[in-house]
Protein backbone atom coordinates (compact mmCIF):
# COMPACT_ATOMS: atom_id res chain seq x y z
CA MET A 1 -31.25 -0.47 -41.82
CA LYS A 2 -30.32 -3.12 -39.08
CA LYS A 3 -33.39 -5.09 -39.97
CA ASN A 4 -31.50 -5.51 -43.58
CA LYS A 5 -28.80 -6.50 -42.43
CA ILE A 6 -30.30 -9.38 -39.91
CA PHE A 7 -31.88 -9.85 -42.92
CA HIS A 8 -29.38 -10.87 -45.13
CA LYS A 9 -27.18 -12.98 -42.67
CA ILE A 10 -30.63 -15.08 -42.15
CA THR A 11 -30.78 -15.24 -46.24
CA ILE A 12 -26.86 -16.53 -46.22
CA ASN A 13 -27.01 -19.49 -43.59
CA ILE A 14 -30.17 -20.47 -45.82
CA LEU A 15 -28.16 -20.21 -48.44
CA ALA A 16 -24.95 -21.69 -46.95
CA ILE A 17 -27.23 -24.99 -45.63
CA PHE A 18 -28.97 -25.38 -49.05
CA LEU A 19 -25.97 -25.55 -50.62
CA LEU A 20 -24.04 -27.79 -48.59
CA PHE A 21 -26.80 -30.02 -49.07
CA PHE A 22 -26.88 -29.94 -51.99
CA CYS A 23 -23.04 -30.75 -53.09
CA ILE A 24 -23.47 -34.08 -50.60
CA SER A 25 -26.76 -34.70 -51.99
CA CYS A 26 -24.60 -34.92 -55.97
CA GLU A 27 -22.24 -36.97 -55.24
CA GLU A 28 -22.00 -40.07 -57.58
CA PRO A 29 -22.16 -43.44 -56.32
CA VAL A 30 -19.69 -44.95 -58.87
CA GLU A 31 -15.89 -44.06 -58.39
CA ILE A 32 -13.73 -45.63 -61.16
CA ILE A 33 -10.31 -45.76 -58.91
CA SER A 34 -8.46 -47.42 -61.85
CA ILE A 35 -8.07 -48.15 -65.34
CA PHE A 36 -5.00 -50.36 -65.65
CA PRO A 37 -2.64 -51.37 -68.22
CA MET A 38 -3.72 -48.15 -70.68
CA PRO A 39 -3.70 -48.08 -73.17
CA ILE A 40 -5.13 -51.27 -73.72
CA GLN A 41 -4.22 -54.47 -75.86
CA ASP A 42 -6.50 -56.83 -75.14
CA ILE A 43 -7.88 -57.57 -71.42
CA ALA A 44 -8.34 -54.86 -68.94
CA THR A 45 -8.95 -54.08 -65.42
CA VAL A 46 -11.69 -51.57 -63.81
CA THR A 47 -11.50 -50.96 -60.10
CA TYR A 48 -14.32 -49.12 -58.76
CA SER A 49 -15.79 -48.54 -55.98
CA ILE A 50 -20.50 -47.81 -55.18
CA GLY A 51 -21.02 -45.57 -52.39
CA MET A 52 -24.73 -47.58 -52.16
CA GLU A 53 -26.24 -50.78 -53.28
CA GLY A 54 -28.11 -50.64 -56.59
CA ASN A 55 -28.03 -51.73 -60.30
CA CYS A 56 -25.19 -51.45 -61.56
CA ASN A 57 -23.79 -50.91 -65.82
CA PHE A 58 -20.65 -51.01 -67.52
CA GLN A 59 -20.48 -50.38 -71.25
CA ILE A 60 -18.08 -49.27 -73.90
CA LEU A 61 -18.53 -46.79 -76.54
CA ASP A 62 -17.25 -45.74 -79.75
CA LEU A 63 -16.77 -42.60 -80.37
CA GLN A 64 -20.49 -42.30 -81.96
CA GLY A 65 -21.44 -43.43 -78.77
CA ASN A 66 -22.91 -46.20 -79.70
CA ILE A 67 -22.46 -49.91 -77.24
CA VAL A 68 -20.28 -51.59 -78.60
CA LEU A 69 -19.67 -53.82 -75.01
CA GLN A 70 -21.69 -54.81 -72.01
CA ILE A 71 -18.82 -55.64 -69.33
CA PHE A 72 -21.94 -56.42 -67.08
CA ASN A 73 -25.10 -54.89 -65.76
CA GLU A 74 -26.54 -56.14 -61.77
CA ARG A 75 -27.10 -55.35 -58.80
CA GLN A 76 -24.25 -53.93 -56.13
CA TYR A 77 -23.57 -53.23 -52.81
CA GLU A 78 -21.70 -50.78 -51.37
CA GLY A 79 -17.94 -51.51 -51.27
CA THR A 80 -15.00 -51.95 -53.88
CA TYR A 81 -14.87 -53.84 -56.98
CA GLN A 82 -12.61 -55.08 -59.80
CA LYS A 83 -13.53 -56.49 -63.17
CA GLN A 84 -11.46 -57.81 -66.20
CA PHE A 85 -13.11 -56.69 -69.64
CA ASN A 86 -11.57 -57.74 -72.71
CA ILE A 87 -11.60 -55.37 -76.48
CA GLN A 88 -9.11 -57.34 -77.56
CA HIS A 89 -12.41 -57.90 -81.07
CA LEU A 90 -12.12 -53.73 -81.09
CA GLN A 91 -10.45 -51.72 -83.39
CA THR A 92 -7.32 -49.60 -82.23
CA GLY A 93 -8.84 -46.33 -81.54
CA VAL A 94 -10.06 -44.26 -78.39
CA TYR A 95 -13.51 -45.64 -76.13
CA PHE A 96 -15.19 -44.69 -73.46
CA LEU A 97 -16.47 -46.78 -70.23
CA ARG A 98 -19.70 -44.91 -69.57
CA ILE A 99 -21.57 -46.15 -66.02
CA GLN A 100 -25.05 -46.33 -65.29
CA PHE A 101 -26.82 -46.45 -61.50
CA GLU A 102 -30.01 -47.19 -61.11
CA SER A 103 -31.67 -44.87 -64.35
CA GLN A 104 -28.63 -42.43 -64.18
CA TYR A 105 -25.38 -41.99 -66.63
CA TYR A 106 -22.73 -41.04 -64.16
CA THR A 107 -19.58 -41.53 -64.77
CA THR A 108 -17.62 -41.91 -68.81
CA GLU A 109 -13.78 -42.64 -68.65
CA LYS A 110 -11.89 -42.50 -72.47
CA ILE A 111 -10.21 -46.09 -72.35
CA ILE A 112 -7.00 -46.48 -75.64
CA LYS A 113 -7.26 -49.54 -76.84
CA GLN A 114 -3.62 -50.29 -78.38
């Protein structure tokens, strides 16, 4: 009985360490701080933070998932950035800002075009 309790405690400790490591390593490298103004008429500013150096790609998608605007696709370093984008040519409606960092898609933010 005593061996089972010790084994159980060791198993729980290993599981806790694994979960802690997994949660830390799953943190998204790109975080949207703000998109202003919302709703957007023509030009908006997105403020975002990057946690590590890498290739960063921002795109606007329509409701069907089609890319309607490529905002930028460039290598960036750790830090906080602001980028302006113009959606004047888009029809009124709902769109999504999709962020790709390296080869993974991390964040999708809803954008309302007025």
